[in-house]
Amino acid sequence: HALAHLHTRVQLTILLLMELWQRYKRRSCFNTAKACLLTDPLCRILFGAMRSRQCPLTFGRHLACEPCDDAKLRGGFDQASSQIVLCSNAASLAAPDPCVTLRHELVHAFDACRAVADFDSSLDQLACTEIRAYNLAEPASWQKPAGGHADWVRQRAVDSVLTVRRIEQAEAETAVNRVFDRCYADLEPFGRRPLPPDPLERAELGSAQLAAKEAKFYGYWSECQSSS
């Protein structure tokens, strides 16, 4: 009986420690997201652009941090509830770019706000928003393959469509290719691909800082006073 009692206590202690760890990870995720909305130029532009289009985001209502079962997931956007969910156990919340997932999901939220879109039923609209998210929110110039930036965006968009939908790869590739040129050229709300300057690329790639400077002229810059 004593051994069984000890075993039960050990199990309860482990469960308690796991719960405390999950709470810590959720709080850390939440603090990281808040810091991104205060300091990351691209997050601030997206946050401000949504507010200017009457789709303001609030932390408690539209942003959540939860552990995700799939280790490959970083986060997601639930269009039905207009909620961004960040995976609190995702490695992407750590350096060197802890804001990358929030930026990516904010692009989806912005796309849902500005257009009559239904990512659940329209494969083309899902493909388009994935193209835009990888094009505008991810540090692609740091990791692009020899095929170039556009090919990197195209492949990542296909991978994301396959993650969201249970379809054949050929169908996902067809959908991405069908809308790629139009959606890759759609740079709203930045007006440019706000990536770090690459000496091997043309200057037109621009920078996040320049996009932020321009955003103030269009009312897209957010001081995030209401984000707490």
C-alpha atoms as a PDB file:
ATOM      1  CA  HIS A   1       0.000   0.000   0.000  1.00  0.00           C
ATOM      2  CA  ALA A   2       2.838   2.376   0.857  1.00  0.00           C
ATOM      3  CA  LEU A   3       4.478   1.772  -2.530  1.00  0.00           C
ATOM      4  CA  ALA A   4       1.205   2.358  -4.359  1.00  0.00           C
ATOM      5  CA  HIS A   5       0.645   5.561  -2.392  1.00  0.00           C
ATOM      6  CA  LEU A   6       4.143   6.767  -3.260  1.00  0.00           C
ATOM      7  CA  HIS A   7       3.576   5.947  -6.922  1.00  0.00           C
ATOM      8  CA  THR A   8       0.345   7.958  -6.911  1.00  0.00           C
ATOM      9  CA  ARG A   9       2.070  10.941  -5.298  1.00  0.00           C
ATOM     10  CA  VAL A  10       4.855  10.820  -7.873  1.00  0.00           C
ATOM     11  CA  GLN A  11       2.318  10.757 -10.709  1.00  0.00           C
ATOM     12  CA  LEU A  12       0.409  13.697  -9.247  1.00  0.00           C
ATOM     13  CA  THR A  13       3.641  15.639  -8.811  1.00  0.00           C
ATOM     14  CA  ILE A  14       4.602  15.004 -12.427  1.00  0.00           C
ATOM     15  CA  LEU A  15       1.181  16.144 -13.632  1.00  0.00           C
ATOM     16  CA  LEU A  16       1.425  19.284 -11.507  1.00  0.00           C
ATOM     17  CA  LEU A  17       4.887  20.101 -12.846  1.00  0.00           C
ATOM     18  CA  MET A  18       3.684  19.559 -16.413  1.00  0.00           C
ATOM     19  CA  GLU A  19       0.748  21.898 -15.840  1.00  0.00           C
ATOM     20  CA  LEU A  20       3.007  24.549 -14.311  1.00  0.00           C
ATOM     21  CA  TRP A  21       5.366  24.215 -17.285  1.00  0.00           C
ATOM     22  CA  GLN A  22       2.500  24.646 -19.746  1.00  0.00           C
ATOM     23  CA  ARG A  23       1.314  27.732 -17.876  1.00  0.00           C
ATOM     24  CA  TYR A  24       4.821  29.164 -18.041  1.00  0.00           C
ATOM     25  CA  LYS A  25       5.059  28.466 -21.778  1.00  0.00           C
ATOM     26  CA  ARG A  26       1.672  30.079 -22.412  1.00  0.00           C
ATOM     27  CA  ARG A  27       2.639  33.168 -20.439  1.00  0.00           C
ATOM     28  CA  SER A  28       5.990  33.351 -22.228  1.00  0.00           C
ATOM     29  CA  CYS A  29       4.224  33.031 -25.597  1.00  0.00           C
ATOM     30  CA  PHE A  30       1.761  35.751 -24.649  1.00  0.00           C
ATOM     31  CA  ASN A  31       4.555  38.104 -23.550  1.00  0.00           C
ATOM     32  CA  THR A  32       6.467  37.436 -26.772  1.00  0.00           C
ATOM     33  CA  ALA A  33       3.396  38.257 -28.866  1.00  0.00           C
ATOM     34  CA  LYS A  34       2.811  41.454 -26.922  1.00  0.00           C
ATOM     35  CA  ALA A  35       6.449  42.481 -27.389  1.00  0.00           C
ATOM     36  CA  CYS A  36       6.143  41.825 -31.135  1.00  0.00           C
ATOM     37  CA  LEU A  37       3.131  44.136 -31.421  1.00  0.00           C
ATOM     38  CA  LEU A  38       5.079  46.809 -29.578  1.00  0.00           C
ATOM     39  CA  THR A  39       8.449  46.517 -31.337  1.00  0.00           C
ATOM     40  CA  ASP A  40       8.239  44.579 -34.628  1.00  0.00           C
ATOM     41  CA  PRO A  41       7.606  47.004 -37.525  1.00  0.00           C
ATOM     42  CA  LEU A  42       5.688  44.494 -39.639  1.00  0.00           C
ATOM     43  CA  CYS A  43       3.433  43.373 -36.787  1.00  0.00           C
ATOM     44  CA  ARG A  44       2.666  47.003 -36.023  1.00  0.00           C
ATOM     45  CA  ILE A  45       1.786  47.730 -39.651  1.00  0.00           C
ATOM     46  CA  LEU A  46      -0.545  44.731 -39.845  1.00  0.00           C
ATOM     47  CA  PHE A  47      -2.114  45.547 -36.489  1.00  0.00           C
ATOM     48  CA  GLY A  48      -2.682  49.148 -37.578  1.00  0.00           C
ATOM     49  CA  ALA A  49      -3.964  48.158 -41.027  1.00  0.00           C
ATOM     50  CA  MET A  50      -6.592  45.900 -39.493  1.00  0.00           C
ATOM     51  CA  ARG A  51      -7.682  48.606 -37.091  1.00  0.00           C
ATOM     52  CA  SER A  52      -7.980  51.082 -39.970  1.00  0.00           C
ATOM     53  CA  ARG A  53     -10.305  48.616 -41.720  1.00  0.00           C
ATOM     54  CA  GLN A  54     -12.530  48.279 -38.650  1.00  0.00           C
ATOM     55  CA  CYS A  55     -11.100  44.886 -37.644  1.00  0.00           C
ATOM     56  CA  PRO A  56      -9.232  45.761 -34.436  1.00  0.00           C
ATOM     57  CA  LEU A  57      -7.464  42.998 -32.542  1.00  0.00           C
ATOM     58  CA  THR A  58      -7.450  42.608 -28.776  1.00  0.00           C
ATOM     59  CA  PHE A  59      -5.243  40.174 -26.891  1.00  0.00           C
ATOM     60  CA  GLY A  60      -7.848  38.379 -24.824  1.00  0.00           C
ATOM     61  CA  ARG A  61     -10.369  38.066 -27.644  1.00  0.00           C
ATOM     62  CA  HIS A  62      -8.328  37.591 -30.804  1.00  0.00           C
ATOM     63  CA  LEU A  63      -4.994  36.162 -29.667  1.00  0.00           C
ATOM     64  CA  ALA A  64      -4.416  32.945 -27.745  1.00  0.00           C
ATOM     65  CA  CYS A  65      -1.407  30.843 -26.810  1.00  0.00           C
ATOM     66  CA  GLU A  66      -1.959  27.101 -26.468  1.00  0.00           C
ATOM     67  CA  PRO A  67       0.227  23.975 -26.734  1.00  0.00           C
ATOM     68  CA  CYS A  68      -0.103  22.211 -30.085  1.00  0.00           C
ATOM     69  CA  ASP A  69      -0.035  18.427 -30.467  1.00  0.00           C
ATOM     70  CA  ASP A  70       1.632  18.561 -33.879  1.00  0.00           C
ATOM     71  CA  ALA A  71       5.279  19.536 -33.411  1.00  0.00           C
ATOM     72  CA  LYS A  72       5.374  20.906 -36.969  1.00  0.00           C
ATOM     73  CA  LEU A  73       2.706  23.521 -36.272  1.00  0.00           C
ATOM     74  CA  ARG A  74       3.654  27.058 -35.263  1.00  0.00           C
ATOM     75  CA  GLY A  75       0.194  28.546 -35.057  1.00  0.00           C
ATOM     76  CA  GLY A  76      -2.989  29.158 -36.970  1.00  0.00           C
ATOM     77  CA  PHE A  77      -5.806  31.555 -37.755  1.00  0.00           C
ATOM     78  CA  ASP A  78      -9.391  30.554 -37.015  1.00  0.00           C
ATOM     79  CA  GLN A  79     -11.469  32.607 -39.420  1.00  0.00           C
ATOM     80  CA  ALA A  80     -14.780  31.690 -37.768  1.00  0.00           C
ATOM     81  CA  SER A  81     -13.737  33.273 -34.464  1.00  0.00           C
ATOM     82  CA  SER A  82     -11.240  35.771 -35.943  1.00  0.00           C
ATOM     83  CA  GLN A  83      -8.686  34.378 -33.521  1.00  0.00           C
ATOM     84  CA  ILE A  84      -4.963  33.855 -33.936  1.00  0.00           C
ATOM     85  CA  VAL A  85      -3.612  30.874 -32.012  1.00  0.00           C
ATOM     86  CA  LEU A  86       0.123  30.644 -31.380  1.00  0.00           C
ATOM     87  CA  CYS A  87       1.617  27.294 -30.403  1.00  0.00           C
ATOM     88  CA  SER A  88       3.171  27.962 -27.011  1.00  0.00           C
ATOM     89  CA  ASN A  89       5.451  24.936 -27.404  1.00  0.00           C
ATOM     90  CA  ALA A  90       6.737  25.942 -30.857  1.00  0.00           C
ATOM     91  CA  ALA A  91      10.434  26.581 -31.324  1.00  0.00           C
ATOM     92  CA  SER A  92       9.612  29.496 -33.655  1.00  0.00           C
ATOM     93  CA  LEU A  93       8.795  31.631 -30.591  1.00  0.00           C
ATOM     94  CA  ALA A  94      12.493  31.643 -29.739  1.00  0.00           C
ATOM     95  CA  ALA A  95      15.319  33.631 -31.304  1.00  0.00           C
ATOM     96  CA  PRO A  96      16.423  34.612 -33.889  1.00  0.00           C
ATOM     97  CA  ASP A  97      12.965  35.763 -35.032  1.00  0.00           C
ATOM     98  CA  PRO A  98      10.304  35.230 -32.350  1.00  0.00           C
ATOM     99  CA  CYS A  99       7.759  37.359 -34.247  1.00  0.00           C
ATOM    100  CA  VAL A 100       7.684  35.311 -37.448  1.00  0.00           C
ATOM    101  CA  THR A 101       4.609  33.232 -36.566  1.00  0.00           C
ATOM    102  CA  LEU A 102       2.563  36.194 -35.370  1.00  0.00           C
ATOM    103  CA  ARG A 103       3.421  38.117 -38.559  1.00  0.00           C
ATOM    104  CA  HIS A 104       2.392  35.140 -40.680  1.00  0.00           C
ATOM    105  CA  GLU A 105      -0.949  34.723 -38.937  1.00  0.00           C
ATOM    106  CA  LEU A 106      -1.598  38.468 -38.952  1.00  0.00           C
ATOM    107  CA  VAL A 107      -1.396  38.387 -42.756  1.00  0.00           C
ATOM    108  CA  HIS A 108      -4.145  35.746 -42.754  1.00  0.00           C
ATOM    109  CA  ALA A 109      -6.215  37.849 -40.353  1.00  0.00           C
ATOM    110  CA  PHE A 110      -5.710  40.931 -42.514  1.00  0.00           C
ATOM    111  CA  ASP A 111      -6.721  39.045 -45.664  1.00  0.00           C
ATOM    112  CA  ALA A 112      -9.887  37.802 -43.983  1.00  0.00           C
ATOM    113  CA  CYS A 113     -10.654  41.340 -42.832  1.00  0.00           C
ATOM    114  CA  ARG A 114     -10.169  43.198 -46.094  1.00  0.00           C
ATOM    115  CA  ALA A 115     -11.983  40.808 -48.444  1.00  0.00           C
ATOM    116  CA  VAL A 116     -14.998  38.535 -48.487  1.00  0.00           C
ATOM    117  CA  ALA A 117     -12.893  35.412 -48.081  1.00  0.00           C
ATOM    118  CA  ASP A 118     -13.642  31.908 -46.892  1.00  0.00           C
ATOM    119  CA  PHE A 119     -10.440  29.965 -46.383  1.00  0.00           C
ATOM    120  CA  ASP A 120     -12.364  26.856 -45.327  1.00  0.00           C
ATOM    121  CA  SER A 121     -14.375  26.463 -48.528  1.00  0.00           C
ATOM    122  CA  SER A 122     -12.256  28.203 -51.177  1.00  0.00           C
ATOM    123  CA  LEU A 123      -9.003  26.453 -52.012  1.00  0.00           C
ATOM    124  CA  ASP A 124      -7.867  29.371 -54.171  1.00  0.00           C
ATOM    125  CA  GLN A 125      -8.381  31.867 -51.346  1.00  0.00           C
ATOM    126  CA  LEU A 126      -6.494  29.621 -48.934  1.00  0.00           C
ATOM    127  CA  ALA A 127      -3.640  29.274 -51.421  1.00  0.00           C
ATOM    128  CA  CYS A 128      -3.572  33.032 -51.957  1.00  0.00           C
ATOM    129  CA  THR A 129      -3.343  33.950 -48.288  1.00  0.00           C
ATOM    130  CA  GLU A 130      -0.578  31.365 -47.755  1.00  0.00           C
ATOM    131  CA  ILE A 131       1.371  32.836 -50.676  1.00  0.00           C
ATOM    132  CA  ARG A 132       0.999  36.307 -49.220  1.00  0.00           C
ATOM    133  CA  ALA A 133       1.939  35.225 -45.709  1.00  0.00           C
ATOM    134  CA  TYR A 134       5.194  33.612 -46.822  1.00  0.00           C
ATOM    135  CA  ASN A 135       5.926  36.428 -49.252  1.00  0.00           C
ATOM    136  CA  LEU A 136       5.416  39.251 -46.771  1.00  0.00           C
ATOM    137  CA  ALA A 137       5.923  37.913 -43.267  1.00  0.00           C
ATOM    138  CA  GLU A 138       8.735  35.361 -43.401  1.00  0.00           C
ATOM    139  CA  PRO A 139      12.493  36.039 -43.560  1.00  0.00           C
ATOM    140  CA  ALA A 140      12.716  34.164 -46.848  1.00  0.00           C
ATOM    141  CA  SER A 141      15.790  36.008 -48.067  1.00  0.00           C
ATOM    142  CA  TRP A 142      17.791  34.359 -45.296  1.00  0.00           C
ATOM    143  CA  GLN A 143      16.959  30.806 -46.300  1.00  0.00           C
ATOM    144  CA  LYS A 144      15.842  30.762 -49.919  1.00  0.00           C
ATOM    145  CA  PRO A 145      17.109  27.972 -52.205  1.00  0.00           C
ATOM    146  CA  ALA A 146      18.921  28.446 -55.483  1.00  0.00           C
ATOM    147  CA  GLY A 147      15.596  28.737 -57.305  1.00  0.00           C
ATOM    148  CA  GLY A 148      14.963  32.135 -55.762  1.00  0.00           C
ATOM    149  CA  HIS A 149      12.514  33.875 -53.542  1.00  0.00           C
ATOM    150  CA  ALA A 150       9.393  33.192 -55.624  1.00  0.00           C
ATOM    151  CA  ASP A 151      10.072  29.453 -55.771  1.00  0.00           C
ATOM    152  CA  TRP A 152      10.635  29.368 -52.014  1.00  0.00           C
ATOM    153  CA  VAL A 153       7.303  31.096 -51.408  1.00  0.00           C
ATOM    154  CA  ARG A 154       5.531  28.809 -53.872  1.00  0.00           C
ATOM    155  CA  GLN A 155       6.783  25.621 -52.219  1.00  0.00           C
ATOM    156  CA  ARG A 156       6.043  26.785 -48.688  1.00  0.00           C
ATOM    157  CA  ALA A 157       2.525  27.785 -49.725  1.00  0.00           C
ATOM    158  CA  VAL A 158       1.943  24.323 -51.181  1.00  0.00           C
ATOM    159  CA  ASP A 159       3.195  22.729 -47.961  1.00  0.00           C
ATOM    160  CA  SER A 160       0.840  24.871 -45.874  1.00  0.00           C
ATOM    161  CA  VAL A 161      -2.172  24.107 -48.060  1.00  0.00           C
ATOM    162  CA  LEU A 162      -1.411  20.401 -47.646  1.00  0.00           C
ATOM    163  CA  THR A 163      -1.222  20.857 -43.874  1.00  0.00           C
ATOM    164  CA  VAL A 164      -4.613  22.567 -43.730  1.00  0.00           C
ATOM    165  CA  ARG A 165      -6.441  20.440 -46.315  1.00  0.00           C
ATOM    166  CA  ARG A 166      -6.549  16.681 -46.833  1.00  0.00           C
ATOM    167  CA  ILE A 167      -5.903  16.801 -50.574  1.00  0.00           C
ATOM    168  CA  GLU A 168      -3.406  15.400 -53.045  1.00  0.00           C
ATOM    169  CA  GLN A 169      -0.200  17.330 -53.599  1.00  0.00           C
ATOM    170  CA  ALA A 170      -1.020  17.832 -57.275  1.00  0.00           C
ATOM    171  CA  GLU A 171      -4.272  19.574 -56.329  1.00  0.00           C
ATOM    172  CA  ALA A 172      -2.473  21.848 -53.870  1.00  0.00           C
ATOM    173  CA  GLU A 173       0.197  22.704 -56.439  1.00  0.00           C
ATOM    174  CA  THR A 174      -2.443  23.459 -59.070  1.00  0.00           C
ATOM    175  CA  ALA A 175      -4.288  25.823 -56.726  1.00  0.00           C
ATOM    176  CA  VAL A 176      -1.108  27.652 -55.729  1.00  0.00           C
ATOM    177  CA  ASN A 177       0.050  27.975 -59.336  1.00  0.00           C
ATOM    178  CA  ARG A 178      -3.381  29.188 -60.423  1.00  0.00           C
ATOM    179  CA  VAL A 179      -3.296  32.242 -58.136  1.00  0.00           C
ATOM    180  CA  PHE A 180       0.436  32.673 -57.641  1.00  0.00           C
ATOM    181  CA  ASP A 181       1.235  35.609 -59.925  1.00  0.00           C
ATOM    182  CA  ARG A 182      -1.659  37.719 -58.656  1.00  0.00           C
ATOM    183  CA  CYS A 183      -1.156  36.938 -54.975  1.00  0.00           C
ATOM    184  CA  TYR A 184       2.644  37.174 -55.058  1.00  0.00           C
ATOM    185  CA  ALA A 185       2.300  40.666 -56.542  1.00  0.00           C
ATOM    186  CA  ASP A 186      -0.203  41.736 -53.856  1.00  0.00           C
ATOM    187  CA  LEU A 187       1.944  43.551 -51.287  1.00  0.00           C
ATOM    188  CA  GLU A 188      -0.827  45.143 -49.214  1.00  0.00           C
ATOM    189  CA  PRO A 189      -0.506  46.577 -46.570  1.00  0.00           C
ATOM    190  CA  PHE A 190       3.280  47.006 -46.890  1.00  0.00           C
ATOM    191  CA  GLY A 191       3.582  48.152 -50.487  1.00  0.00           C
ATOM    192  CA  ARG A 192       6.854  46.223 -50.778  1.00  0.00           C
ATOM    193  CA  ARG A 193       8.426  42.967 -49.730  1.00  0.00           C
ATOM    194  CA  PRO A 194       9.665  44.106 -46.339  1.00  0.00           C
ATOM    195  CA  LEU A 195      12.669  41.821 -46.111  1.00  0.00           C
ATOM    196  CA  PRO A 196      16.156  42.607 -44.781  1.00  0.00           C
ATOM    197  CA  PRO A 197      18.428  44.001 -47.514  1.00  0.00           C
ATOM    198  CA  ASP A 198      20.367  41.317 -49.376  1.00  0.00           C
ATOM    199  CA  PRO A 199      23.520  42.518 -51.183  1.00  0.00           C
ATOM    200  CA  LEU A 200      22.972  39.828 -53.820  1.00  0.00           C
ATOM    201  CA  GLU A 201      19.462  41.032 -54.624  1.00  0.00           C
ATOM    202  CA  ARG A 202      17.983  44.190 -56.102  1.00  0.00           C
ATOM    203  CA  ALA A 203      17.272  47.082 -53.777  1.00  0.00           C
ATOM    204  CA  GLU A 204      13.538  46.808 -54.548  1.00  0.00           C
ATOM    205  CA  LEU A 205      13.241  44.141 -51.875  1.00  0.00           C
ATOM    206  CA  GLY A 206      13.395  46.999 -49.403  1.00  0.00           C
ATOM    207  CA  SER A 207      13.325  46.660 -45.641  1.00  0.00           C
ATOM    208  CA  ALA A 208      10.872  46.453 -42.788  1.00  0.00           C
ATOM    209  CA  GLN A 209      11.971  49.868 -41.600  1.00  0.00           C
ATOM    210  CA  LEU A 210      11.185  51.524 -44.933  1.00  0.00           C
ATOM    211  CA  ALA A 211       7.798  49.795 -45.065  1.00  0.00           C
ATOM    212  CA  ALA A 212       7.065  51.105 -41.580  1.00  0.00           C
ATOM    213  CA  LYS A 213       8.011  54.628 -42.589  1.00  0.00           C
ATOM    214  CA  GLU A 214       5.662  54.495 -45.577  1.00  0.00           C
ATOM    215  CA  ALA A 215       2.836  52.904 -43.561  1.00  0.00           C
ATOM    216  CA  LYS A 216       2.440  56.045 -41.465  1.00  0.00           C
ATOM    217  CA  PHE A 217       1.300  57.958 -44.558  1.00  0.00           C
ATOM    218  CA  TYR A 218      -1.529  55.470 -45.140  1.00  0.00           C
ATOM    219  CA  GLY A 219      -2.761  55.307 -41.558  1.00  0.00           C
ATOM    220  CA  TYR A 220      -1.443  51.762 -41.163  1.00  0.00           C
ATOM    221  CA  TRP A 221       1.029  52.437 -38.361  1.00  0.00           C
ATOM    222  CA  SER A 222      -0.075  51.296 -34.924  1.00  0.00           C
ATOM    223  CA  GLU A 223       1.217  52.600 -31.616  1.00  0.00           C
ATOM    224  CA  CYS A 224      -0.598  49.628 -30.030  1.00  0.00           C
ATOM    225  CA  GLN A 225      -1.938  51.576 -27.077  1.00  0.00           C
ATOM    226  CA  SER A 226      -4.959  49.253 -26.894  1.00  0.00           C
ATOM    227  CA  SER A 227      -3.112  45.958 -27.219  1.00  0.00           C
ATOM    228  CA  SER A 228      -2.797  45.153 -23.530  1.00  0.00           C
END
